[in-house]
Amino acid sequence: MNPHLIRAAIGRLATVDKDSMTADFKTKKYYFRHSPFLWIDRHGVDYRADTLLAYLRQVDKMGFSSERFRVQQITQDLDRLRRLQVGQSINTILARLEYNLTKAYLRYVIGQRFGFVNPKYVFNRLDIYKQDSLNISYRGLFDIGMDRPGPKFYHTALRKICADSVSEYLKEIQPRNKLYHRLIAVLNSNDVSLAGKEKLLCNIERCRWRLNDSPDRHSKYVWVNIPSFHLLAVDNDSVLSMRIGCGSMDTKTPQLTSFINWMDVNPQWVIPRSIIERDIIRHAGNKRYFDERRFFVRERRTGKRIDIAGVTSAMLQSKDYLVVQEGGEGNSLGRIIFRFNNNFSVFLHDTSSKGVFRQDNRGVSHGCIRIEKPFELAVFLLDNKDAEIINKIRYSMEADVSNIGHQSENADRKSPEKVLDRSRLIGSLPLKTPVPLFITYYTIYPSPQGTLQVFNDVYGFDRVIYNHLRNYR
């Protein structure tokens, strides 16, 4: 055994290694820095390699190829070394063992601890938002807090090898998600036809992601699953279920976690710039167009309404002016909106187009989530189910508020049957206890009764994940 020859052989292996997973780069970087050997010493290779191999031999049950983890080559080299069938090639064999064990180890522990796919990287570089000859920007589609490997993780993972803690560490990094183990069991059963292997592997991968928050940590929460076009509002054993409409293929609803903080009844809709540029600019100055849709233009700095007759295309193109739709009946946000902090300006809201909930494919919005039972969700979110507050919400959602701000009190009195009881109106209603919100994307997920349900891959995200998982198949 010659350490110099072993190190030179490792250098050659790293130089010709064209694999490009994160673990592969980390392995090459470790040995290019002439770092200490991890698996071999003057006695050869000990049982730590066997411990790792025991886990690696199970990767086929995870749907991966054992060859992607060098199982056969490691097994053969260990066997030759222990039978002393090495001859002049002992340094080559030891180098190959050292390099392959580290590479396979890092591939395995990174994948099982954090996932084999980084969703923040993959999904936030998927849909082009704007592009020119110099720059390209992407539409954000994933903003869920989660663990990702950093320098401390790699230092710890490699230190576990030297500290003879491989066995404990490999147990520690296994996924904890209950759905993960359930889907693994389906994958290795005779019931793969339930969803198909590709769909199973993609949802198993989602279960590996170590999210900072999850529904099982809360007794009360709102859970949205985009592929099922469904929302569940859960409070202990009570479940409110409803259909939803989500973003279209061009304006996908992002995956995120947040807390619903407040609700606005009869909200005004500040129209996104993309819609202004696409649909509204060409109607600048057309009072009839704006009146029919109950649009008005407001100066951003002062909040002053601008006479439609004086509105120009240049004003609508400028960020100094907003196009707003009046609240009330016919508003695109419906009669109530549920707001939460997020980086995408998306919310849960009612809709004036109720027919959407009769469609199978409900990918219809610009990213926001339209809900089938807005009043019921409003009541669900309340901490104390105060009857007076609930009645005010109901009244405000049903009342004709179109004349607010446009007619005098005397004009209201001329039609007693249409007089608005302003004392019963509610505008903005903050929640005393914010309610956790999870907007997710699972194409296999249990129903409230526990039965696994399969959904269409409406945004094609399964294909995106699977294309990356193929590196391990």
Protein backbone atom coordinates (compact mmCIF):
# COMPACT_ATOMS: atom_id res chain seq x y z
CA MET A 1 0.00 0.00 0.00
CA ASN A 2 1.39 3.35 -1.08
CA PRO A 3 -0.54 6.48 0.03
CA HIS A 4 1.05 8.59 -2.73
CA LEU A 5 0.01 6.16 -5.44
CA ILE A 6 -3.50 5.91 -3.94
CA ARG A 7 -3.88 9.68 -3.90
CA ALA A 8 -2.64 9.96 -7.48
CA ALA A 9 -5.15 7.30 -8.57
CA ILE A 10 -7.98 9.15 -6.79
CA GLY A 11 -6.95 12.33 -8.61
CA ARG A 12 -7.24 10.53 -11.95
CA LEU A 13 -10.69 9.16 -11.01
CA ALA A 14 -11.91 12.63 -10.03
CA THR A 15 -10.53 14.18 -13.22
CA VAL A 16 -12.34 11.81 -15.57
CA ASP A 17 -15.57 11.74 -13.52
CA LYS A 18 -18.21 13.52 -15.65
CA ASP A 19 -21.14 13.03 -13.22
CA SER A 20 -22.62 16.36 -12.23
CA MET A 21 -24.82 15.88 -9.18
CA THR A 22 -24.10 18.04 -6.14
CA ALA A 23 -22.64 15.03 -4.34
CA ASP A 24 -20.28 14.41 -7.27
CA PHE A 25 -18.93 17.97 -7.18
CA LYS A 26 -18.48 17.77 -3.41
CA THR A 27 -16.61 14.46 -3.72
CA LYS A 28 -14.25 15.80 -6.38
CA LYS A 29 -13.66 19.00 -4.43
CA TYR A 30 -12.81 17.03 -1.28
CA TYR A 31 -10.13 14.96 -2.98
CA PHE A 32 -8.72 17.72 -5.17
CA ARG A 33 -7.88 19.49 -1.88
CA HIS A 34 -5.83 16.43 -0.83
CA SER A 35 -8.05 15.92 2.21
CA PRO A 36 -7.48 12.89 4.45
CA PHE A 37 -8.73 9.46 3.42
CA LEU A 38 -12.13 8.67 4.92
CA TRP A 39 -12.60 4.92 4.44
CA ILE A 40 -9.16 3.36 4.05
CA ASP A 41 -6.19 3.09 6.38
CA ARG A 42 -3.19 0.79 6.76
CA HIS A 43 -5.54 -2.03 7.72
CA GLY A 44 -7.57 -1.71 4.52
CA VAL A 45 -11.33 -0.99 4.68
CA ASP A 46 -13.40 -1.83 7.76
CA TYR A 47 -17.07 -2.57 8.51
CA ARG A 48 -18.16 1.05 7.93
CA ALA A 49 -18.13 0.25 4.22
CA ASP A 50 -20.37 -2.77 4.86
CA THR A 51 -22.81 -0.61 6.84
CA LEU A 52 -23.07 1.83 3.94
CA LEU A 53 -23.44 -1.00 1.43
CA ALA A 54 -26.36 -2.44 3.39
CA TYR A 55 -28.24 0.83 2.81
CA LEU A 56 -27.11 1.22 -0.79
CA ARG A 57 -28.39 -2.25 -1.65
CA GLN A 58 -31.89 -0.99 -0.76
CA VAL A 59 -31.94 1.86 -3.30
CA ASP A 60 -33.72 -0.36 -5.84
CA LYS A 61 -36.67 -0.41 -3.42
CA MET A 62 -36.62 3.40 -3.63
CA GLY A 63 -36.96 3.10 -7.41
CA PHE A 64 -33.29 3.86 -8.15
CA SER A 65 -30.51 1.93 -9.85
CA SER A 66 -27.87 0.44 -7.56
CA GLU A 67 -25.31 1.16 -10.29
CA ARG A 68 -25.90 4.89 -9.81
CA PHE A 69 -24.54 4.32 -6.30
CA ARG A 70 -21.59 2.15 -7.44
CA VAL A 71 -22.88 -0.86 -5.50
CA GLN A 72 -21.51 -3.56 -7.79
CA GLN A 73 -18.08 -1.94 -8.18
CA ILE A 74 -17.74 -1.35 -4.42
CA THR A 75 -18.83 -4.93 -3.67
CA GLN A 76 -16.34 -6.40 -6.15
CA ASP A 77 -13.45 -4.27 -4.92
CA LEU A 78 -14.16 -5.10 -1.28
CA ASP A 79 -14.30 -8.79 -2.12
CA ARG A 80 -11.00 -8.69 -4.01
CA LEU A 81 -9.33 -6.76 -1.21
CA ARG A 82 -10.50 -9.11 1.51
CA ARG A 83 -9.57 -12.21 -0.47
CA LEU A 84 -6.17 -10.63 -1.19
CA GLN A 85 -6.83 -11.03 -4.93
CA VAL A 86 -5.17 -7.71 -5.65
CA GLY A 87 -1.65 -8.26 -6.98
CA GLN A 88 0.07 -5.08 -8.17
CA SER A 89 -3.29 -3.24 -8.37
CA ILE A 90 -3.89 -2.86 -4.62
CA ASN A 91 -3.39 0.92 -4.71
CA THR A 92 -5.79 1.27 -7.65
CA ILE A 93 -8.43 -0.80 -5.85
CA LEU A 94 -8.04 1.16 -2.61
CA ALA A 95 -8.30 4.45 -4.51
CA ARG A 96 -11.43 3.30 -6.28
CA LEU A 97 -12.99 2.14 -3.01
CA GLU A 98 -12.16 5.42 -1.26
CA TYR A 99 -13.57 7.53 -4.08
CA ASN A 100 -16.68 5.44 -4.80
CA LEU A 101 -17.62 5.01 -1.14
CA THR A 102 -17.49 8.77 -0.55
CA LYS A 103 -19.39 9.53 -3.74
CA ALA A 104 -22.11 6.96 -3.03
CA TYR A 105 -22.32 8.02 0.62
CA LEU A 106 -22.83 11.69 -0.23
CA ARG A 107 -25.34 10.89 -2.97
CA TYR A 108 -27.35 8.81 -0.52
CA VAL A 109 -27.25 11.06 2.55
CA ILE A 110 -27.96 14.27 0.61
CA GLY A 111 -30.90 12.64 -1.19
CA GLN A 112 -32.46 10.97 1.82
CA ARG A 113 -31.92 13.95 4.12
CA PHE A 114 -32.98 16.77 1.76
CA GLY A 115 -34.33 15.18 -1.42
CA PHE A 116 -32.66 14.26 -4.68
CA VAL A 117 -34.26 17.30 -6.38
CA ASN A 118 -34.02 20.90 -5.18
CA PRO A 119 -37.51 22.31 -5.85
CA LYS A 120 -36.49 25.94 -5.29
CA TYR A 121 -33.87 25.68 -8.00
CA VAL A 122 -35.94 23.61 -10.42
CA PHE A 123 -39.33 25.34 -10.24
CA ASN A 124 -38.05 28.91 -9.98
CA ARG A 125 -36.18 28.48 -13.28
CA LEU A 126 -39.03 26.87 -15.16
CA ASP A 127 -41.33 29.58 -16.58
CA ILE A 128 -39.77 32.59 -18.29
CA TYR A 129 -41.39 35.83 -17.18
CA LYS A 130 -39.39 38.34 -19.21
CA GLN A 131 -36.48 37.97 -21.58
CA ASP A 132 -34.32 40.24 -23.68
CA SER A 133 -30.91 40.01 -25.31
CA LEU A 134 -29.15 40.59 -21.99
CA ASN A 135 -31.35 39.31 -19.21
CA ILE A 136 -33.85 36.62 -18.46
CA SER A 137 -36.19 36.54 -15.46
CA TYR A 138 -38.38 33.69 -14.29
CA ARG A 139 -41.78 33.46 -12.70
CA GLY A 140 -41.51 32.38 -9.06
CA LEU A 141 -43.34 29.08 -8.51
CA PHE A 142 -41.94 27.74 -5.22
CA ASP A 143 -41.48 29.61 -1.96
CA ILE A 144 -41.70 27.11 0.86
CA GLY A 145 -39.18 27.28 3.69
CA MET A 146 -37.13 24.09 3.80
CA ASP A 147 -33.78 22.63 4.81
CA ARG A 148 -31.03 22.49 2.19
CA PRO A 149 -27.49 21.19 2.60
CA GLY A 150 -24.86 23.77 3.51
CA PRO A 151 -21.18 23.71 4.55
CA LYS A 152 -22.07 22.60 8.08
CA PHE A 153 -23.99 19.60 6.73
CA TYR A 154 -21.11 18.41 4.53
CA HIS A 155 -18.62 18.86 7.35
CA THR A 156 -20.84 16.85 9.70
CA ALA A 157 -21.59 14.11 7.15
CA LEU A 158 -17.90 13.51 6.42
CA ARG A 159 -16.95 13.75 10.10
CA LYS A 160 -19.44 10.95 10.87
CA ILE A 161 -17.33 8.60 8.73
CA CYS A 162 -14.13 9.36 10.63
CA ALA A 163 -15.91 9.25 13.98
CA ASP A 164 -17.23 5.75 13.29
CA SER A 165 -20.84 7.01 13.41
CA VAL A 166 -21.95 5.94 9.95
CA SER A 167 -24.61 3.51 11.19
CA GLU A 168 -26.29 6.02 13.51
CA TYR A 169 -26.08 8.79 10.93
CA LEU A 170 -27.65 6.74 8.14
CA LYS A 171 -30.59 6.01 10.43
CA GLU A 172 -30.86 9.65 11.44
CA ILE A 173 -31.13 11.09 7.91
CA GLN A 174 -34.01 8.88 6.75
CA PRO A 175 -37.27 10.69 5.76
CA ARG A 176 -39.81 11.07 8.57
CA ASN A 177 -42.86 11.81 6.44
CA LYS A 178 -45.53 9.13 7.02
CA LEU A 179 -46.71 9.38 3.43
CA TYR A 180 -43.16 8.60 2.27
CA HIS A 181 -43.20 5.17 3.89
CA ARG A 182 -46.71 4.50 2.66
CA LEU A 183 -45.79 5.29 -0.95
CA ILE A 184 -42.57 3.25 -0.71
CA ALA A 185 -44.72 0.31 0.37
CA VAL A 186 -46.99 0.81 -2.65
CA LEU A 187 -43.96 1.05 -4.94
CA ASN A 188 -42.75 -2.36 -3.74
CA SER A 189 -46.18 -4.01 -3.81
CA ASN A 190 -48.22 -5.49 -6.61
CA ASP A 191 -50.35 -2.35 -6.68
CA VAL A 192 -48.00 -0.06 -8.63
CA SER A 193 -50.79 0.26 -11.18
CA LEU A 194 -52.53 2.51 -8.64
CA ALA A 195 -50.73 5.47 -10.16
CA GLY A 196 -47.79 4.30 -12.22
CA LYS A 197 -44.16 4.14 -11.17
CA GLU A 198 -43.23 7.60 -12.41
CA LYS A 199 -46.00 9.31 -10.44
CA LEU A 200 -45.13 7.30 -7.32
CA LEU A 201 -41.45 8.26 -7.54
CA CYS A 202 -42.28 11.96 -7.92
CA ASN A 203 -44.54 12.00 -4.86
CA ILE A 204 -42.05 9.94 -2.85
CA GLU A 205 -39.49 12.63 -3.73
CA ARG A 206 -41.84 15.38 -2.51
CA CYS A 207 -42.03 13.54 0.82
CA ARG A 208 -38.24 13.75 1.19
CA TRP A 209 -38.22 17.54 1.20
CA ARG A 210 -37.70 18.77 4.76
CA LEU A 211 -40.19 21.62 4.91
CA ASN A 212 -40.03 24.07 7.81
CA ASP A 213 -43.74 23.67 8.48
CA SER A 214 -46.43 21.10 7.70
CA PRO A 215 -50.13 20.53 8.46
CA ASP A 216 -49.45 17.79 11.00
CA ARG A 217 -47.94 20.41 13.33
CA HIS A 218 -51.24 22.28 13.62
CA SER A 219 -54.74 21.45 14.84
CA LYS A 220 -56.28 24.16 12.64
CA TYR A 221 -55.09 24.97 9.13
CA VAL A 222 -56.09 25.49 5.48
CA TRP A 223 -54.59 23.10 2.94
CA VAL A 224 -54.75 23.62 -0.83
CA ASN A 225 -53.65 20.96 -3.31
CA ILE A 226 -53.34 22.36 -6.82
CA PRO A 227 -53.63 19.11 -8.85
CA SER A 228 -56.84 18.11 -7.05
CA PHE A 229 -58.31 21.64 -7.38
CA HIS A 230 -59.43 21.23 -3.80
CA LEU A 231 -59.19 23.01 -0.46
CA LEU A 232 -59.50 21.46 2.99
CA ALA A 233 -60.02 23.63 6.07
CA VAL A 234 -59.23 21.44 9.06
CA ASP A 235 -59.94 22.15 12.72
CA ASN A 236 -59.05 19.05 14.72
CA ASP A 237 -61.54 16.41 13.46
CA SER A 238 -63.76 18.92 11.64
CA VAL A 239 -63.10 19.24 7.89
CA LEU A 240 -64.57 21.81 5.50
CA SER A 241 -64.03 20.73 1.88
CA MET A 242 -64.54 22.77 -1.28
CA ARG A 243 -63.55 23.06 -4.93
CA ILE A 244 -61.11 25.72 -6.07
CA GLY A 245 -59.89 27.32 -9.26
CA CYS A 246 -56.13 27.88 -9.66
CA GLY A 247 -53.75 29.58 -12.05
CA SER A 248 -53.65 28.60 -15.69
CA MET A 249 -50.61 26.99 -17.35
CA ASP A 250 -49.30 30.45 -18.27
CA THR A 251 -49.88 31.95 -14.82
CA LYS A 252 -49.41 29.02 -12.45
CA THR A 253 -50.35 29.25 -8.78
CA PRO A 254 -47.11 29.07 -6.75
CA GLN A 255 -46.44 26.57 -3.99
CA LEU A 256 -46.05 28.38 -0.68
CA THR A 257 -46.74 28.39 3.04
CA SER A 258 -48.05 31.36 5.00
CA PHE A 259 -50.67 32.43 7.55
CA ILE A 260 -54.07 33.87 6.67
CA ASN A 261 -54.08 37.15 8.62
CA TRP A 262 -57.23 38.98 7.60
CA MET A 263 -60.17 39.11 5.21
CA ASP A 264 -61.63 41.98 3.23
CA VAL A 265 -65.32 42.01 2.34
CA ASN A 266 -66.28 43.64 -1.00
CA PRO A 267 -62.63 44.29 -1.88
CA GLN A 268 -61.49 46.46 -4.72
CA TRP A 269 -59.31 44.71 -7.28
CA VAL A 270 -56.04 46.40 -8.17
CA ILE A 271 -55.52 44.99 -11.65
CA PRO A 272 -52.07 43.45 -12.31
CA ARG A 273 -49.84 45.21 -14.80
CA SER A 274 -49.74 42.15 -17.05
CA ILE A 275 -53.52 42.39 -17.54
CA ILE A 276 -53.36 46.16 -18.04
CA GLU A 277 -50.71 45.77 -20.74
CA ARG A 278 -52.51 42.91 -22.46
CA ASP A 279 -56.17 43.95 -22.25
CA ILE A 280 -56.74 47.48 -20.99
CA ILE A 281 -54.21 49.91 -22.48
CA ARG A 282 -55.89 49.89 -25.88
CA HIS A 283 -59.11 51.15 -24.25
CA ALA A 284 -57.50 54.25 -22.69
CA GLY A 285 -60.02 57.11 -22.58
CA ASN A 286 -62.99 54.83 -23.43
CA LYS A 287 -65.41 55.72 -20.62
CA ARG A 288 -67.99 53.12 -21.67
CA TYR A 289 -65.43 50.30 -21.50
CA PHE A 290 -64.33 51.34 -18.00
CA ASP A 291 -67.87 51.95 -16.71
CA GLU A 292 -69.19 48.57 -17.93
CA ARG A 293 -66.44 46.81 -16.01
CA ARG A 294 -66.60 49.21 -13.06
CA PHE A 295 -62.93 50.13 -13.56
CA PHE A 296 -61.44 53.43 -12.46
CA VAL A 297 -57.94 54.90 -12.57
CA ARG A 298 -56.21 56.14 -9.44
CA GLU A 299 -52.97 58.05 -9.04
CA ARG A 300 -50.69 55.88 -6.94
CA ARG A 301 -49.03 58.69 -4.95
CA THR A 302 -52.13 60.72 -3.99
CA GLY A 303 -54.91 58.13 -4.27
CA LYS A 304 -56.85 60.61 -6.42
CA ARG A 305 -59.31 59.28 -9.00
CA ILE A 306 -58.60 60.38 -12.56
CA ASP A 307 -61.33 61.33 -15.04
CA ILE A 308 -61.46 58.45 -17.55
CA ALA A 309 -61.81 60.86 -20.46
CA GLY A 310 -58.37 62.20 -19.65
CA VAL A 311 -56.64 58.83 -19.25
CA THR A 312 -53.99 58.13 -21.91
CA SER A 313 -52.11 54.99 -22.92
CA ALA A 314 -48.93 56.49 -21.51
CA MET A 315 -50.62 56.91 -18.10
CA LEU A 316 -51.73 53.26 -18.08
CA GLN A 317 -48.22 52.15 -19.03
CA SER A 318 -46.78 54.22 -16.19
CA LYS A 319 -46.47 52.70 -12.73
CA ASP A 320 -47.66 56.03 -11.33
CA TYR A 321 -51.28 55.04 -12.02
CA LEU A 322 -53.38 52.07 -10.96
CA VAL A 323 -56.42 50.56 -12.64
CA VAL A 324 -58.89 49.42 -9.99
CA GLN A 325 -62.22 47.59 -10.12
CA GLU A 326 -64.94 48.70 -7.70
CA GLY A 327 -65.88 46.29 -4.93
CA GLY A 328 -69.24 44.54 -4.81
CA GLU A 329 -71.31 42.43 -7.18
CA GLY A 330 -69.45 41.59 -10.38
CA ASN A 331 -65.98 42.23 -8.96
CA SER A 332 -63.50 39.62 -10.21
CA LEU A 333 -62.43 38.94 -6.61
CA GLY A 334 -66.03 38.25 -5.65
CA ARG A 335 -67.41 39.50 -2.35
CA ILE A 336 -64.57 38.48 -0.03
CA ILE A 337 -60.82 37.93 -0.17
CA PHE A 338 -58.55 36.15 2.32
CA ARG A 339 -55.14 37.75 2.58
CA PHE A 340 -51.78 36.36 3.66
CA ASN A 341 -48.19 37.50 3.31
CA ASN A 342 -46.48 36.15 0.19
CA ASN A 343 -44.07 37.23 -2.53
CA PHE A 344 -46.44 36.67 -5.45
CA SER A 345 -49.50 38.87 -4.71
CA VAL A 346 -51.76 35.81 -4.78
CA PHE A 347 -54.67 35.25 -2.40
CA LEU A 348 -57.72 33.11 -1.76
CA HIS A 349 -60.91 34.82 -2.87
CA ASP A 350 -64.51 34.50 -3.95
CA THR A 351 -65.33 34.86 -7.66
CA SER A 352 -68.09 36.38 -9.76
CA SER A 353 -67.74 33.43 -12.20
CA LYS A 354 -69.31 30.60 -10.19
CA GLY A 355 -69.51 28.31 -13.23
CA VAL A 356 -65.79 27.57 -12.94
CA PHE A 357 -66.48 25.11 -10.12
CA ARG A 358 -68.47 22.88 -12.49
CA GLN A 359 -65.43 22.41 -14.72
CA ASP A 360 -63.04 19.48 -14.41
CA ASN A 361 -59.96 21.51 -15.31
CA ARG A 362 -60.13 24.57 -13.10
CA GLY A 363 -56.80 26.15 -14.05
CA VAL A 364 -58.39 29.49 -14.93
CA SER A 365 -56.91 32.33 -12.88
CA HIS A 366 -53.86 34.59 -13.04
CA GLY A 367 -52.40 32.80 -10.03
CA CYS A 368 -54.89 33.49 -7.25
CA ILE A 369 -57.09 30.74 -5.84
CA ARG A 370 -60.86 31.04 -6.33
CA ILE A 371 -62.89 29.24 -3.68
CA GLU A 372 -66.29 27.61 -3.91
CA LYS A 373 -67.55 28.33 -0.37
CA PRO A 374 -66.19 31.75 0.65
CA PHE A 375 -68.74 32.46 3.40
CA GLU A 376 -68.16 29.06 5.02
CA LEU A 377 -64.38 29.62 4.92
CA ALA A 378 -64.81 33.04 6.53
CA VAL A 379 -66.76 31.48 9.41
CA PHE A 380 -64.17 28.70 9.73
CA LEU A 381 -61.34 31.21 10.11
CA LEU A 382 -63.00 33.08 12.99
CA ASP A 383 -61.56 32.38 16.40
CA ASN A 384 -64.84 32.94 18.21
CA LYS A 385 -67.94 32.15 16.17
CA ASP A 386 -69.64 35.38 17.22
CA ALA A 387 -73.16 35.40 15.75
CA GLU A 388 -73.17 39.18 15.24
CA ILE A 389 -69.90 39.12 13.29
CA ILE A 390 -71.08 36.17 11.20
CA ASN A 391 -74.34 37.94 10.36
CA LYS A 392 -72.44 41.07 9.37
CA ILE A 393 -70.20 39.06 7.06
CA ARG A 394 -73.23 37.44 5.45
CA TYR A 395 -75.06 40.78 5.08
CA SER A 396 -71.97 42.50 3.63
CA MET A 397 -71.47 39.73 1.08
CA GLU A 398 -75.09 39.94 -0.08
CA ALA A 399 -75.76 43.71 0.09
CA ASP A 400 -75.71 46.01 -2.92
CA VAL A 401 -72.72 48.24 -2.21
CA SER A 402 -72.34 49.58 -5.73
CA ASN A 403 -73.54 53.07 -4.77
CA ILE A 404 -71.15 53.58 -1.88
CA GLY A 405 -69.18 56.72 -2.55
CA HIS A 406 -71.28 57.65 -5.58
CA GLN A 407 -74.63 58.82 -4.16
CA SER A 408 -75.74 61.04 -1.33
CA GLU A 409 -77.63 59.82 1.68
CA ASN A 410 -80.73 61.60 0.36
CA ALA A 411 -80.56 59.60 -2.85
CA ASP A 412 -80.53 56.42 -0.78
CA ARG A 413 -83.68 57.50 1.07
CA LYS A 414 -85.64 57.82 -2.17
CA SER A 415 -85.67 54.01 -2.47
CA PRO A 416 -86.29 52.66 1.04
CA GLU A 417 -86.28 49.05 -0.09
CA LYS A 418 -82.67 49.50 -1.30
CA VAL A 419 -81.36 51.49 1.64
CA LEU A 420 -78.05 50.12 2.85
CA ASP A 421 -77.69 49.46 6.56
CA ARG A 422 -74.13 50.67 6.88
CA SER A 423 -73.99 49.67 10.54
CA ARG A 424 -74.10 46.03 9.41
CA LEU A 425 -71.31 46.36 6.85
CA ILE A 426 -67.87 44.89 7.47
CA GLY A 427 -64.86 45.98 5.49
CA SER A 428 -61.56 44.57 6.73
CA LEU A 429 -61.60 41.92 9.45
CA PRO A 430 -58.25 40.89 10.99
CA LEU A 431 -57.95 37.44 12.51
CA LYS A 432 -56.99 37.36 16.17
CA THR A 433 -55.21 34.06 15.55
CA PRO A 434 -53.67 33.75 12.06
CA VAL A 435 -54.45 30.41 10.43
CA PRO A 436 -51.65 28.40 8.75
CA LEU A 437 -52.01 28.03 4.98
CA PHE A 438 -50.32 25.38 2.83
CA ILE A 439 -50.50 25.58 -0.96
CA THR A 440 -49.04 22.31 -2.21
CA TYR A 441 -48.69 20.15 -5.31
CA TYR A 442 -49.23 16.41 -4.77
CA THR A 443 -50.48 14.13 -7.52
CA ILE A 444 -50.99 11.34 -4.97
CA TYR A 445 -52.37 12.23 -1.56
CA PRO A 446 -54.65 10.62 1.04
CA SER A 447 -58.26 11.72 1.31
CA PRO A 448 -59.51 12.86 4.75
CA GLN A 449 -60.63 9.24 5.18
CA GLY A 450 -57.11 7.98 4.46
CA THR A 451 -57.60 6.52 0.97
CA LEU A 452 -54.83 7.35 -1.50
CA GLN A 453 -56.16 9.55 -4.29
CA VAL A 454 -54.49 10.10 -7.67
CA PHE A 455 -54.68 13.43 -9.53
CA ASN A 456 -53.66 14.73 -12.94
CA ASP A 457 -50.30 16.45 -13.26
CA VAL A 458 -51.97 19.72 -14.29
CA TYR A 459 -48.78 21.83 -14.49
CA GLY A 460 -46.44 19.06 -15.66
CA PHE A 461 -44.39 19.25 -12.46
CA ASP A 462 -44.17 15.46 -12.18
CA ARG A 463 -42.33 15.36 -15.50
CA VAL A 464 -39.93 18.04 -14.28
CA ILE A 465 -39.13 16.11 -11.09
CA TYR A 466 -38.85 12.78 -12.90
CA ASN A 467 -36.38 14.19 -15.43
CA HIS A 468 -34.06 14.99 -12.53
CA LEU A 469 -34.66 11.67 -10.75
CA ARG A 470 -33.55 9.87 -13.90
CA ASN A 471 -29.99 10.71 -12.88
CA TYR A 472 -30.40 7.99 -10.25
CA ARG A 473 -32.26 5.42 -12.36
